[in-house]
Amino acid sequence: MTDTAGGEQGSDAPAVPATRREAAAARRAPVVGEPGFQTHVRAARSELETQLAHARAEFEEANARITQRTGRNLILAILIGLAIGVVVLASLIFFKQLFVLFALAASTLGTFEFSRALRASGRRVDVVAQLVAGTLLVLAGFFLQPWLHWIGAFAAVALVVVWRLVAQLFADDGRPHVLVLGDVLIAALVQLYVPFFASLCVALLAQDGGQWWVLAFIIVAVVSDTGAYVSGLTLGRGGRHPMAPRISPKKTWEGFAGAAVAAVIAGLLLAPLMLGLPVWTGVIIGLVILGTATAGDLGESMIKRDLGIKDMSSWLPGHGGVLDRLDSILPSTTAALALYYLLSPLGVS
């Protein structure tokens, strides 16, 4: 039997499903002559695909609501944060020399993105000089004696300053003196803000039991930042009582209160359990790191506002740039090193 244009097909031709639902039902329908086991396998696979599609749609919808409320991909940010935390934790616990490589990589990336942001704003920053000086300074913090480390810090600042002046001399572009002076000061700022603070972290790491102090102050800073975020999002929603509206309108006193509670609780737990110190020292550790972490957070916000940018970069999805994650940790290295010298003699074996 033959078909004609616009005519009906033969009665033995298979019917074409009109909708997706009919197509899915057709896939689940048993085939004549097909064994019963294969029929069940096909039905189970089809059901699993349907459930996975439904779960994926629900997940994407929930993630979109979270992103709209928090202003970032919170789930992706948590996953990236956990991955970084695992690397830091493993390096500090099992072989602390590996943490030097992690600190060096973080310092290099932070220096690069900070220099790039400054150059985009019209400042003259010598990226190569900054990276070379920063690398040597971080390594000096771990491998050299403290007095040589301080000499290395002055040498790093001197290197980037002289490099900038010589580069400007050869440029001969008539740049105003006030801008040249600003470029020189910014060159020193980059070294002191990123590589120098990172070198203090590895200098603390080099001390006897220093890996536990590094881990402790990072935990307190991260917990403080998390407490501020959660408390600010729930209690200070909408910027109810902003701390510094001209610098960072989203940072509220409600968030600071949550950060204080979280930092003190973390300090009370870590002082006796990780550092072998009296419990009361945990209050000091928590409050000091809270202060430096908050100052670092506000300081980086002020820098970004001055540069007219939201994030230093987009290298870490859900977080922004490397410096956006190190803003509260970098200044806390100074406090952590000072606390080590002041409180470690109180430690009990």
C-alpha atoms as a PDB file:
ATOM      1  CA  MET A   1       0.000   0.000   0.000  1.00  0.00           C
ATOM      2  CA  THR A   2       1.460   3.398  -0.992  1.00  0.00           C
ATOM      3  CA  ASP A   3       0.988   6.860   0.484  1.00  0.00           C
ATOM      4  CA  THR A   4      -0.078   9.931  -1.467  1.00  0.00           C
ATOM      5  CA  ALA A   5       0.754  13.553  -0.729  1.00  0.00           C
ATOM      6  CA  GLY A   6      -1.589  14.751   1.991  1.00  0.00           C
ATOM      7  CA  GLY A   7      -3.070  11.255   2.254  1.00  0.00           C
ATOM      8  CA  GLU A   8      -3.123   8.933   5.248  1.00  0.00           C
ATOM      9  CA  GLN A   9      -0.319   6.519   6.016  1.00  0.00           C
ATOM     10  CA  GLY A  10      -0.875   2.808   6.159  1.00  0.00           C
ATOM     11  CA  SER A  11      -2.507   1.391   9.221  1.00  0.00           C
ATOM     12  CA  ASP A  12       0.713  -0.453  10.170  1.00  0.00           C
ATOM     13  CA  ALA A  13       2.876   2.732  10.397  1.00  0.00           C
ATOM     14  CA  PRO A  14       3.885   3.797  13.935  1.00  0.00           C
ATOM     15  CA  ALA A  15       2.074   6.790  15.363  1.00  0.00           C
ATOM     16  CA  VAL A  16       4.182   9.888  16.091  1.00  0.00           C
ATOM     17  CA  PRO A  17       3.705  11.251  19.676  1.00  0.00           C
ATOM     18  CA  ALA A  18       2.141  14.688  19.632  1.00  0.00           C
ATOM     19  CA  THR A  19       3.529  15.924  22.964  1.00  0.00           C
ATOM     20  CA  ARG A  20       6.543  15.330  25.231  1.00  0.00           C
ATOM     21  CA  ARG A  21       4.305  13.666  27.799  1.00  0.00           C
ATOM     22  CA  GLU A  22       3.115  11.166  25.205  1.00  0.00           C
ATOM     23  CA  ALA A  23       6.718  10.587  24.121  1.00  0.00           C
ATOM     24  CA  ALA A  24       7.758   9.878  27.724  1.00  0.00           C
ATOM     25  CA  ALA A  25       4.796   7.523  28.138  1.00  0.00           C
ATOM     26  CA  ALA A  26       5.772   5.778  24.929  1.00  0.00           C
ATOM     27  CA  ARG A  27       9.314   5.259  26.216  1.00  0.00           C
ATOM     28  CA  ARG A  28       7.975   3.750  29.434  1.00  0.00           C
ATOM     29  CA  ALA A  29       5.486   1.518  27.612  1.00  0.00           C
ATOM     30  CA  PRO A  30       6.599  -2.081  27.243  1.00  0.00           C
ATOM     31  CA  VAL A  31       7.694  -3.200  23.813  1.00  0.00           C
ATOM     32  CA  VAL A  32       6.069  -6.300  22.382  1.00  0.00           C
ATOM     33  CA  GLY A  33       8.419  -9.211  22.708  1.00  0.00           C
ATOM     34  CA  GLU A  34      10.834  -7.332  25.035  1.00  0.00           C
ATOM     35  CA  PRO A  35      11.839  -9.224  28.200  1.00  0.00           C
ATOM     36  CA  GLY A  36      10.268  -7.992  31.427  1.00  0.00           C
ATOM     37  CA  PHE A  37      13.636  -7.121  33.001  1.00  0.00           C
ATOM     38  CA  GLN A  38      14.557  -4.744  30.181  1.00  0.00           C
ATOM     39  CA  THR A  39      11.144  -3.145  30.453  1.00  0.00           C
ATOM     40  CA  HIS A  40      11.715  -2.382  34.137  1.00  0.00           C
ATOM     41  CA  VAL A  41      15.219  -1.037  33.416  1.00  0.00           C
ATOM     42  CA  ARG A  42      13.891   1.361  30.799  1.00  0.00           C
ATOM     43  CA  ALA A  43      11.119   2.514  33.096  1.00  0.00           C
ATOM     44  CA  ALA A  44      13.519   3.051  36.007  1.00  0.00           C
ATOM     45  CA  ARG A  45      15.963   4.992  33.839  1.00  0.00           C
ATOM     46  CA  SER A  46      13.190   7.205  32.498  1.00  0.00           C
ATOM     47  CA  GLU A  47      11.927   7.857  36.028  1.00  0.00           C
ATOM     48  CA  LEU A  48      15.442   8.703  37.217  1.00  0.00           C
ATOM     49  CA  GLU A  49      15.955  11.157  34.359  1.00  0.00           C
ATOM     50  CA  THR A  50      12.662  12.837  35.209  1.00  0.00           C
ATOM     51  CA  GLN A  51      13.585  13.157  38.896  1.00  0.00           C
ATOM     52  CA  LEU A  52      17.056  14.507  38.091  1.00  0.00           C
ATOM     53  CA  ALA A  53      15.586  17.115  35.753  1.00  0.00           C
ATOM     54  CA  HIS A  54      13.071  18.155  38.414  1.00  0.00           C
ATOM     55  CA  ALA A  55      15.772  18.336  41.119  1.00  0.00           C
ATOM     56  CA  ARG A  56      18.024  20.394  38.865  1.00  0.00           C
ATOM     57  CA  ALA A  57      15.244  22.851  38.118  1.00  0.00           C
ATOM     58  CA  GLU A  58      14.474  23.237  41.837  1.00  0.00           C
ATOM     59  CA  PHE A  59      18.177  23.718  42.641  1.00  0.00           C
ATOM     60  CA  GLU A  60      18.615  26.402  39.986  1.00  0.00           C
ATOM     61  CA  GLU A  61      15.503  28.198  41.210  1.00  0.00           C
ATOM     62  CA  ALA A  62      16.670  28.109  44.847  1.00  0.00           C
ATOM     63  CA  ASN A  63      20.181  29.227  43.859  1.00  0.00           C
ATOM     64  CA  ALA A  64      18.722  32.141  41.889  1.00  0.00           C
ATOM     65  CA  ARG A  65      16.744  33.275  44.966  1.00  0.00           C
ATOM     66  CA  ILE A  66      19.869  33.035  47.166  1.00  0.00           C
ATOM     67  CA  THR A  67      21.960  34.945  44.625  1.00  0.00           C
ATOM     68  CA  GLN A  68      19.330  37.679  44.390  1.00  0.00           C
ATOM     69  CA  ARG A  69      19.252  38.078  48.156  1.00  0.00           C
ATOM     70  CA  THR A  70      22.982  37.850  48.905  1.00  0.00           C
ATOM     71  CA  GLY A  71      24.296  39.526  45.773  1.00  0.00           C
ATOM     72  CA  ARG A  72      26.582  36.621  44.849  1.00  0.00           C
ATOM     73  CA  ASN A  73      26.528  32.935  43.969  1.00  0.00           C
ATOM     74  CA  LEU A  74      26.615  31.755  47.565  1.00  0.00           C
ATOM     75  CA  ILE A  75      26.722  28.025  46.849  1.00  0.00           C
ATOM     76  CA  LEU A  76      29.664  28.372  44.452  1.00  0.00           C
ATOM     77  CA  ALA A  77      31.386  30.710  46.914  1.00  0.00           C
ATOM     78  CA  ILE A  78      31.023  28.129  49.686  1.00  0.00           C
ATOM     79  CA  LEU A  79      32.446  25.362  47.506  1.00  0.00           C
ATOM     80  CA  ILE A  80      35.458  27.462  46.508  1.00  0.00           C
ATOM     81  CA  GLY A  81      35.990  28.520  50.125  1.00  0.00           C
ATOM     82  CA  LEU A  82      35.906  24.897  51.277  1.00  0.00           C
ATOM     83  CA  ALA A  83      38.422  23.892  48.600  1.00  0.00           C
ATOM     84  CA  ILE A  84      40.827  26.639  49.659  1.00  0.00           C
ATOM     85  CA  GLY A  85      40.298  25.707  53.308  1.00  0.00           C
ATOM     86  CA  VAL A  86      41.202  22.077  52.647  1.00  0.00           C
ATOM     87  CA  VAL A  87      44.457  23.114  50.942  1.00  0.00           C
ATOM     88  CA  VAL A  88      45.393  25.471  53.792  1.00  0.00           C
ATOM     89  CA  LEU A  89      44.480  22.954  56.483  1.00  0.00           C
ATOM     90  CA  ALA A  90      46.373  20.093  54.844  1.00  0.00           C
ATOM     91  CA  SER A  91      49.529  22.154  54.286  1.00  0.00           C
ATOM     92  CA  LEU A  92      49.629  23.482  57.845  1.00  0.00           C
ATOM     93  CA  ILE A  93      48.934  20.139  59.529  1.00  0.00           C
ATOM     94  CA  PHE A  94      51.059  17.750  57.484  1.00  0.00           C
ATOM     95  CA  PHE A  95      53.949  19.778  56.016  1.00  0.00           C
ATOM     96  CA  LYS A  96      54.010  23.433  56.908  1.00  0.00           C
ATOM     97  CA  GLN A  97      56.658  24.282  54.310  1.00  0.00           C
ATOM     98  CA  LEU A  98      53.971  23.738  51.669  1.00  0.00           C
ATOM     99  CA  PHE A  99      52.047  26.647  53.164  1.00  0.00           C
ATOM    100  CA  VAL A 100      54.927  28.910  52.129  1.00  0.00           C
ATOM    101  CA  LEU A 101      54.124  28.074  48.503  1.00  0.00           C
ATOM    102  CA  PHE A 102      50.440  28.796  49.132  1.00  0.00           C
ATOM    103  CA  ALA A 103      51.265  32.136  50.794  1.00  0.00           C
ATOM    104  CA  LEU A 104      53.653  33.003  47.966  1.00  0.00           C
ATOM    105  CA  ALA A 105      51.020  32.216  45.333  1.00  0.00           C
ATOM    106  CA  ALA A 106      48.359  34.243  47.175  1.00  0.00           C
ATOM    107  CA  SER A 107      50.758  37.171  47.600  1.00  0.00           C
ATOM    108  CA  THR A 108      51.776  37.087  43.933  1.00  0.00           C
ATOM    109  CA  LEU A 109      48.195  36.972  42.672  1.00  0.00           C
ATOM    110  CA  GLY A 110      47.106  39.672  45.114  1.00  0.00           C
ATOM    111  CA  THR A 111      49.993  41.923  44.122  1.00  0.00           C
ATOM    112  CA  PHE A 112      49.249  41.409  40.438  1.00  0.00           C
ATOM    113  CA  GLU A 113      45.527  42.161  40.667  1.00  0.00           C
ATOM    114  CA  PHE A 114      46.133  45.179  42.938  1.00  0.00           C
ATOM    115  CA  SER A 115      48.746  46.543  40.515  1.00  0.00           C
ATOM    116  CA  ARG A 116      46.433  45.947  37.565  1.00  0.00           C
ATOM    117  CA  ALA A 117      43.556  47.743  39.297  1.00  0.00           C
ATOM    118  CA  LEU A 118      45.824  50.704  40.051  1.00  0.00           C
ATOM    119  CA  ARG A 119      47.076  50.847  36.463  1.00  0.00           C
ATOM    120  CA  ALA A 120      43.490  50.805  35.209  1.00  0.00           C
ATOM    121  CA  SER A 121      42.820  53.898  37.340  1.00  0.00           C
ATOM    122  CA  GLY A 122      45.680  55.785  35.665  1.00  0.00           C
ATOM    123  CA  ARG A 123      48.478  55.125  38.155  1.00  0.00           C
ATOM    124  CA  ARG A 124      51.974  54.107  37.037  1.00  0.00           C
ATOM    125  CA  VAL A 125      52.757  50.782  38.707  1.00  0.00           C
ATOM    126  CA  ASP A 126      55.721  48.621  37.702  1.00  0.00           C
ATOM    127  CA  VAL A 127      54.214  45.134  37.883  1.00  0.00           C
ATOM    128  CA  VAL A 128      57.458  43.230  37.267  1.00  0.00           C
ATOM    129  CA  ALA A 129      59.314  45.092  40.007  1.00  0.00           C
ATOM    130  CA  GLN A 130      56.405  44.586  42.406  1.00  0.00           C
ATOM    131  CA  LEU A 131      56.279  40.834  41.750  1.00  0.00           C
ATOM    132  CA  VAL A 132      60.049  40.335  42.049  1.00  0.00           C
ATOM    133  CA  ALA A 133      60.351  42.373  45.245  1.00  0.00           C
ATOM    134  CA  GLY A 134      57.247  40.741  46.725  1.00  0.00           C
ATOM    135  CA  THR A 135      58.480  37.213  46.042  1.00  0.00           C
ATOM    136  CA  LEU A 136      61.853  37.873  47.682  1.00  0.00           C
ATOM    137  CA  LEU A 137      60.178  39.532  50.659  1.00  0.00           C
ATOM    138  CA  VAL A 138      57.810  36.611  51.326  1.00  0.00           C
ATOM    139  CA  LEU A 139      60.667  34.107  51.120  1.00  0.00           C
ATOM    140  CA  ALA A 140      62.756  36.266  53.441  1.00  0.00           C
ATOM    141  CA  GLY A 141      60.022  36.132  56.059  1.00  0.00           C
ATOM    142  CA  PHE A 142      60.330  32.352  56.322  1.00  0.00           C
ATOM    143  CA  PHE A 143      64.005  31.637  55.660  1.00  0.00           C
ATOM    144  CA  LEU A 144      65.806  34.616  57.214  1.00  0.00           C
ATOM    145  CA  GLN A 145      66.245  35.785  60.781  1.00  0.00           C
ATOM    146  CA  PRO A 146      63.827  38.486  61.964  1.00  0.00           C
ATOM    147  CA  TRP A 147      66.359  41.321  61.722  1.00  0.00           C
ATOM    148  CA  LEU A 148      67.278  40.288  58.167  1.00  0.00           C
ATOM    149  CA  HIS A 149      63.586  40.060  57.341  1.00  0.00           C
ATOM    150  CA  TRP A 150      63.082  43.689  58.355  1.00  0.00           C
ATOM    151  CA  ILE A 151      66.064  44.721  56.250  1.00  0.00           C
ATOM    152  CA  GLY A 152      64.483  42.803  53.369  1.00  0.00           C
ATOM    153  CA  ALA A 153      61.247  44.747  53.844  1.00  0.00           C
ATOM    154  CA  PHE A 154      63.065  48.086  53.578  1.00  0.00           C
ATOM    155  CA  ALA A 155      65.002  46.776  50.571  1.00  0.00           C
ATOM    156  CA  ALA A 156      61.775  45.698  48.817  1.00  0.00           C
ATOM    157  CA  VAL A 157      60.187  49.108  49.303  1.00  0.00           C
ATOM    158  CA  ALA A 158      63.383  50.835  48.165  1.00  0.00           C
ATOM    159  CA  LEU A 159      63.535  48.649  45.053  1.00  0.00           C
ATOM    160  CA  VAL A 160      60.020  49.494  43.827  1.00  0.00           C
ATOM    161  CA  VAL A 161      60.424  53.187  44.666  1.00  0.00           C
ATOM    162  CA  VAL A 162      63.759  53.540  42.841  1.00  0.00           C
ATOM    163  CA  TRP A 163      62.425  51.495  39.928  1.00  0.00           C
ATOM    164  CA  ARG A 164      59.450  53.846  39.600  1.00  0.00           C
ATOM    165  CA  LEU A 165      61.621  56.953  39.731  1.00  0.00           C
ATOM    166  CA  VAL A 166      64.055  55.610  37.129  1.00  0.00           C
ATOM    167  CA  ALA A 167      61.185  54.513  34.878  1.00  0.00           C
ATOM    168  CA  GLN A 168      59.629  57.967  35.142  1.00  0.00           C
ATOM    169  CA  LEU A 169      62.993  59.564  34.374  1.00  0.00           C
ATOM    170  CA  PHE A 170      63.331  57.612  31.137  1.00  0.00           C
ATOM    171  CA  ALA A 171      59.663  58.163  30.244  1.00  0.00           C
ATOM    172  CA  ASP A 172      60.189  61.955  30.047  1.00  0.00           C
ATOM    173  CA  ASP A 173      56.483  62.540  29.397  1.00  0.00           C
ATOM    174  CA  GLY A 174      56.061  65.692  31.439  1.00  0.00           C
ATOM    175  CA  ARG A 175      54.024  63.960  34.134  1.00  0.00           C
ATOM    176  CA  PRO A 176      53.265  66.439  36.966  1.00  0.00           C
ATOM    177  CA  HIS A 177      55.388  66.083  40.089  1.00  0.00           C
ATOM    178  CA  VAL A 178      52.361  65.532  42.296  1.00  0.00           C
ATOM    179  CA  LEU A 179      51.342  62.512  40.227  1.00  0.00           C
ATOM    180  CA  VAL A 180      54.900  61.152  40.269  1.00  0.00           C
ATOM    181  CA  LEU A 181      54.952  61.475  44.060  1.00  0.00           C
ATOM    182  CA  GLY A 182      51.616  59.659  44.210  1.00  0.00           C
ATOM    183  CA  ASP A 183      52.996  56.847  42.050  1.00  0.00           C
ATOM    184  CA  VAL A 184      55.995  56.481  44.369  1.00  0.00           C
ATOM    185  CA  LEU A 185      53.810  56.292  47.478  1.00  0.00           C
ATOM    186  CA  ILE A 186      51.500  53.773  45.806  1.00  0.00           C
ATOM    187  CA  ALA A 187      54.511  51.636  44.851  1.00  0.00           C
ATOM    188  CA  ALA A 188      55.455  51.448  48.529  1.00  0.00           C
ATOM    189  CA  LEU A 189      51.817  50.810  49.514  1.00  0.00           C
ATOM    190  CA  VAL A 190      51.531  47.754  47.259  1.00  0.00           C
ATOM    191  CA  GLN A 191      54.605  46.171  48.867  1.00  0.00           C
ATOM    192  CA  LEU A 192      53.529  46.940  52.417  1.00  0.00           C
ATOM    193  CA  TYR A 193      49.894  45.952  51.923  1.00  0.00           C
ATOM    194  CA  VAL A 194      50.340  42.573  50.249  1.00  0.00           C
ATOM    195  CA  PRO A 195      53.850  41.006  50.284  1.00  0.00           C
ATOM    196  CA  PHE A 196      54.915  42.463  53.641  1.00  0.00           C
ATOM    197  CA  PHE A 197      51.812  41.249  55.477  1.00  0.00           C
ATOM    198  CA  ALA A 198      52.187  37.868  53.744  1.00  0.00           C
ATOM    199  CA  SER A 199      55.819  37.722  54.868  1.00  0.00           C
ATOM    200  CA  LEU A 200      54.736  38.298  58.481  1.00  0.00           C
ATOM    201  CA  CYS A 201      52.421  35.312  58.135  1.00  0.00           C
ATOM    202  CA  VAL A 202      55.230  33.002  57.024  1.00  0.00           C
ATOM    203  CA  ALA A 203      57.518  34.534  59.668  1.00  0.00           C
ATOM    204  CA  LEU A 204      54.965  33.377  62.251  1.00  0.00           C
ATOM    205  CA  LEU A 205      54.842  30.017  60.496  1.00  0.00           C
ATOM    206  CA  ALA A 206      58.604  29.614  60.919  1.00  0.00           C
ATOM    207  CA  GLN A 207      58.334  29.816  64.720  1.00  0.00           C
ATOM    208  CA  ASP A 208      58.165  26.734  66.907  1.00  0.00           C
ATOM    209  CA  GLY A 209      54.540  25.589  66.639  1.00  0.00           C
ATOM    210  CA  GLY A 210      53.867  28.555  64.393  1.00  0.00           C
ATOM    211  CA  GLN A 211      51.654  26.531  62.080  1.00  0.00           C
ATOM    212  CA  TRP A 212      49.030  26.285  64.827  1.00  0.00           C
ATOM    213  CA  TRP A 213      49.116  30.034  65.402  1.00  0.00           C
ATOM    214  CA  VAL A 214      48.722  30.676  61.674  1.00  0.00           C
ATOM    215  CA  LEU A 215      45.806  28.263  61.500  1.00  0.00           C
ATOM    216  CA  ALA A 216      44.224  29.754  64.627  1.00  0.00           C
ATOM    217  CA  PHE A 217      44.303  33.388  63.509  1.00  0.00           C
ATOM    218  CA  ILE A 218      43.039  32.485  60.025  1.00  0.00           C
ATOM    219  CA  ILE A 219      40.149  30.566  61.581  1.00  0.00           C
ATOM    220  CA  VAL A 220      39.270  33.491  63.855  1.00  0.00           C
ATOM    221  CA  ALA A 221      39.408  35.955  60.938  1.00  0.00           C
ATOM    222  CA  VAL A 222      37.277  33.724  58.691  1.00  0.00           C
ATOM    223  CA  VAL A 223      34.773  32.976  61.456  1.00  0.00           C
ATOM    224  CA  SER A 224      34.567  36.687  62.239  1.00  0.00           C
ATOM    225  CA  ASP A 225      33.911  37.500  58.588  1.00  0.00           C
ATOM    226  CA  THR A 226      31.282  34.754  58.376  1.00  0.00           C
ATOM    227  CA  GLY A 227      29.593  35.910  61.576  1.00  0.00           C
ATOM    228  CA  ALA A 228      29.438  39.460  60.255  1.00  0.00           C
ATOM    229  CA  TYR A 229      27.974  38.265  56.960  1.00  0.00           C
ATOM    230  CA  VAL A 230      25.285  36.082  58.524  1.00  0.00           C
ATOM    231  CA  SER A 231      24.359  38.579  61.234  1.00  0.00           C
ATOM    232  CA  GLY A 232      24.354  41.506  58.833  1.00  0.00           C
ATOM    233  CA  LEU A 233      22.217  39.605  56.350  1.00  0.00           C
ATOM    234  CA  THR A 234      19.621  38.611  58.947  1.00  0.00           C
ATOM    235  CA  LEU A 235      19.632  41.358  61.603  1.00  0.00           C
ATOM    236  CA  GLY A 236      21.004  44.269  59.594  1.00  0.00           C
ATOM    237  CA  ARG A 237      19.148  43.618  56.365  1.00  0.00           C
ATOM    238  CA  GLY A 238      18.829  46.740  54.302  1.00  0.00           C
ATOM    239  CA  GLY A 239      21.699  48.515  56.090  1.00  0.00           C
ATOM    240  CA  ARG A 240      19.694  49.284  59.210  1.00  0.00           C
ATOM    241  CA  HIS A 241      22.647  50.712  61.176  1.00  0.00           C
ATOM    242  CA  PRO A 242      25.632  51.139  58.829  1.00  0.00           C
ATOM    243  CA  MET A 243      29.116  51.333  60.364  1.00  0.00           C
ATOM    244  CA  ALA A 244      30.773  53.471  57.698  1.00  0.00           C
ATOM    245  CA  PRO A 245      28.199  54.475  55.068  1.00  0.00           C
ATOM    246  CA  ARG A 246      30.701  56.479  53.020  1.00  0.00           C
ATOM    247  CA  ILE A 247      33.134  53.563  52.813  1.00  0.00           C
ATOM    248  CA  SER A 248      30.949  50.459  52.805  1.00  0.00           C
ATOM    249  CA  PRO A 249      27.182  51.012  53.146  1.00  0.00           C
ATOM    250  CA  LYS A 250      26.487  47.266  53.472  1.00  0.00           C
ATOM    251  CA  LYS A 251      28.565  46.849  56.633  1.00  0.00           C
ATOM    252  CA  THR A 252      26.339  47.315  59.655  1.00  0.00           C
ATOM    253  CA  TRP A 253      26.733  47.379  63.410  1.00  0.00           C
ATOM    254  CA  GLU A 254      24.513  44.305  63.529  1.00  0.00           C
ATOM    255  CA  GLY A 255      27.068  42.525  61.393  1.00  0.00           C
ATOM    256  CA  PHE A 256      29.903  43.746  63.619  1.00  0.00           C
ATOM    257  CA  ALA A 257      28.091  42.389  66.682  1.00  0.00           C
ATOM    258  CA  GLY A 258      27.788  38.991  65.011  1.00  0.00           C
ATOM    259  CA  ALA A 259      31.476  39.123  64.074  1.00  0.00           C
ATOM    260  CA  ALA A 260      32.442  39.932  67.679  1.00  0.00           C
ATOM    261  CA  VAL A 261      30.461  37.028  69.111  1.00  0.00           C
ATOM    262  CA  ALA A 262      31.837  34.601  66.531  1.00  0.00           C
ATOM    263  CA  ALA A 263      35.449  35.778  66.976  1.00  0.00           C
ATOM    264  CA  VAL A 264      35.362  35.526  70.781  1.00  0.00           C
ATOM    265  CA  ILE A 265      33.780  32.067  70.715  1.00  0.00           C
ATOM    266  CA  ALA A 266      36.402  30.886  68.214  1.00  0.00           C
ATOM    267  CA  GLY A 267      39.181  32.365  70.359  1.00  0.00           C
ATOM    268  CA  LEU A 268      37.853  30.699  73.531  1.00  0.00           C
ATOM    269  CA  LEU A 269      37.863  27.324  71.790  1.00  0.00           C
ATOM    270  CA  LEU A 270      41.169  27.623  69.954  1.00  0.00           C
ATOM    271  CA  ALA A 271      43.268  29.051  72.790  1.00  0.00           C
ATOM    272  CA  PRO A 272      43.172  25.932  75.011  1.00  0.00           C
ATOM    273  CA  LEU A 273      42.520  23.286  72.361  1.00  0.00           C
ATOM    274  CA  MET A 274      44.956  24.338  69.632  1.00  0.00           C
ATOM    275  CA  LEU A 275      47.435  26.758  71.183  1.00  0.00           C
ATOM    276  CA  GLY A 276      47.681  25.301  74.696  1.00  0.00           C
ATOM    277  CA  LEU A 277      46.924  28.680  76.295  1.00  0.00           C
ATOM    278  CA  PRO A 278      44.656  29.604  79.232  1.00  0.00           C
ATOM    279  CA  VAL A 279      41.022  29.999  78.248  1.00  0.00           C
ATOM    280  CA  TRP A 280      40.927  33.709  79.090  1.00  0.00           C
ATOM    281  CA  THR A 281      43.554  34.456  76.448  1.00  0.00           C
ATOM    282  CA  GLY A 282      40.986  33.396  73.849  1.00  0.00           C
ATOM    283  CA  VAL A 283      39.022  36.571  74.555  1.00  0.00           C
ATOM    284  CA  ILE A 284      42.117  38.666  73.834  1.00  0.00           C
ATOM    285  CA  ILE A 285      42.904  36.747  70.659  1.00  0.00           C
ATOM    286  CA  GLY A 286      39.320  36.982  69.432  1.00  0.00           C
ATOM    287  CA  LEU A 287      38.958  40.719  70.083  1.00  0.00           C
ATOM    288  CA  VAL A 288      42.361  41.656  68.650  1.00  0.00           C
ATOM    289  CA  ILE A 289      41.861  39.675  65.460  1.00  0.00           C
ATOM    290  CA  LEU A 290      38.322  41.077  65.257  1.00  0.00           C
ATOM    291  CA  GLY A 291      39.751  44.604  65.285  1.00  0.00           C
ATOM    292  CA  THR A 292      42.420  43.985  62.643  1.00  0.00           C
ATOM    293  CA  ALA A 293      40.055  41.962  60.436  1.00  0.00           C
ATOM    294  CA  THR A 294      37.404  44.702  60.536  1.00  0.00           C
ATOM    295  CA  ALA A 295      39.993  47.394  59.828  1.00  0.00           C
ATOM    296  CA  GLY A 296      41.345  45.383  56.915  1.00  0.00           C
ATOM    297  CA  ASP A 297      37.874  44.841  55.493  1.00  0.00           C
ATOM    298  CA  LEU A 298      37.015  48.530  55.696  1.00  0.00           C
ATOM    299  CA  GLY A 299      40.446  49.509  54.393  1.00  0.00           C
ATOM    300  CA  GLU A 300      40.099  47.437  51.244  1.00  0.00           C
ATOM    301  CA  SER A 301      36.562  48.744  50.753  1.00  0.00           C
ATOM    302  CA  MET A 302      37.936  52.288  50.907  1.00  0.00           C
ATOM    303  CA  ILE A 303      40.605  51.447  48.326  1.00  0.00           C
ATOM    304  CA  LYS A 304      38.057  49.908  45.961  1.00  0.00           C
ATOM    305  CA  ARG A 305      35.703  52.855  46.381  1.00  0.00           C
ATOM    306  CA  ASP A 306      38.575  55.212  45.567  1.00  0.00           C
ATOM    307  CA  LEU A 307      39.394  53.147  42.464  1.00  0.00           C
ATOM    308  CA  GLY A 308      35.720  52.968  41.479  1.00  0.00           C
ATOM    309  CA  ILE A 309      35.532  49.166  41.368  1.00  0.00           C
ATOM    310  CA  LYS A 310      33.349  46.578  43.107  1.00  0.00           C
ATOM    311  CA  ASP A 311      35.867  43.707  43.241  1.00  0.00           C
ATOM    312  CA  MET A 312      39.613  43.571  42.702  1.00  0.00           C
ATOM    313  CA  SER A 313      39.057  40.901  40.043  1.00  0.00           C
ATOM    314  CA  SER A 314      36.718  38.052  39.116  1.00  0.00           C
ATOM    315  CA  TRP A 315      39.214  35.212  39.534  1.00  0.00           C
ATOM    316  CA  LEU A 316      37.266  33.568  42.367  1.00  0.00           C
ATOM    317  CA  PRO A 317      33.599  33.217  41.355  1.00  0.00           C
ATOM    318  CA  GLY A 318      31.316  34.199  44.215  1.00  0.00           C
ATOM    319  CA  HIS A 319      34.193  35.888  46.046  1.00  0.00           C
ATOM    320  CA  GLY A 320      35.647  38.434  43.651  1.00  0.00           C
ATOM    321  CA  GLY A 321      39.417  38.631  43.661  1.00  0.00           C
ATOM    322  CA  VAL A 322      42.193  37.197  45.799  1.00  0.00           C
ATOM    323  CA  LEU A 323      42.487  40.403  47.809  1.00  0.00           C
ATOM    324  CA  ASP A 324      38.735  40.365  48.401  1.00  0.00           C
ATOM    325  CA  ARG A 325      39.300  37.155  50.380  1.00  0.00           C
ATOM    326  CA  LEU A 326      42.530  38.308  52.040  1.00  0.00           C
ATOM    327  CA  ASP A 327      41.340  41.756  53.093  1.00  0.00           C
ATOM    328  CA  SER A 328      40.678  40.713  56.697  1.00  0.00           C
ATOM    329  CA  ILE A 329      43.528  38.185  56.904  1.00  0.00           C
ATOM    330  CA  LEU A 330      46.471  40.281  55.701  1.00  0.00           C
ATOM    331  CA  PRO A 331      46.375  42.987  58.425  1.00  0.00           C
ATOM    332  CA  SER A 332      45.709  40.297  61.042  1.00  0.00           C
ATOM    333  CA  THR A 333      49.154  38.779  60.429  1.00  0.00           C
ATOM    334  CA  THR A 334      50.743  41.647  62.384  1.00  0.00           C
ATOM    335  CA  ALA A 335      48.423  41.115  65.339  1.00  0.00           C
ATOM    336  CA  ALA A 336      48.916  37.344  65.237  1.00  0.00           C
ATOM    337  CA  LEU A 337      52.711  37.656  65.300  1.00  0.00           C
ATOM    338  CA  ALA A 338      52.552  40.119  68.197  1.00  0.00           C
ATOM    339  CA  LEU A 339      50.138  37.854  70.096  1.00  0.00           C
ATOM    340  CA  TYR A 340      52.515  34.931  69.575  1.00  0.00           C
ATOM    341  CA  TYR A 341      55.392  36.768  71.265  1.00  0.00           C
ATOM    342  CA  LEU A 342      53.161  38.065  74.060  1.00  0.00           C
ATOM    343  CA  LEU A 343      51.066  34.988  74.857  1.00  0.00           C
ATOM    344  CA  SER A 344      53.128  31.954  73.859  1.00  0.00           C
ATOM    345  CA  PRO A 345      55.136  32.074  77.136  1.00  0.00           C
ATOM    346  CA  LEU A 346      51.827  31.391  78.926  1.00  0.00           C
ATOM    347  CA  GLY A 347      51.420  28.109  77.094  1.00  0.00           C
ATOM    348  CA  VAL A 348      51.170  24.901  79.065  1.00  0.00           C
ATOM    349  CA  SER A 349      52.601  21.604  77.886  1.00  0.00           C
END
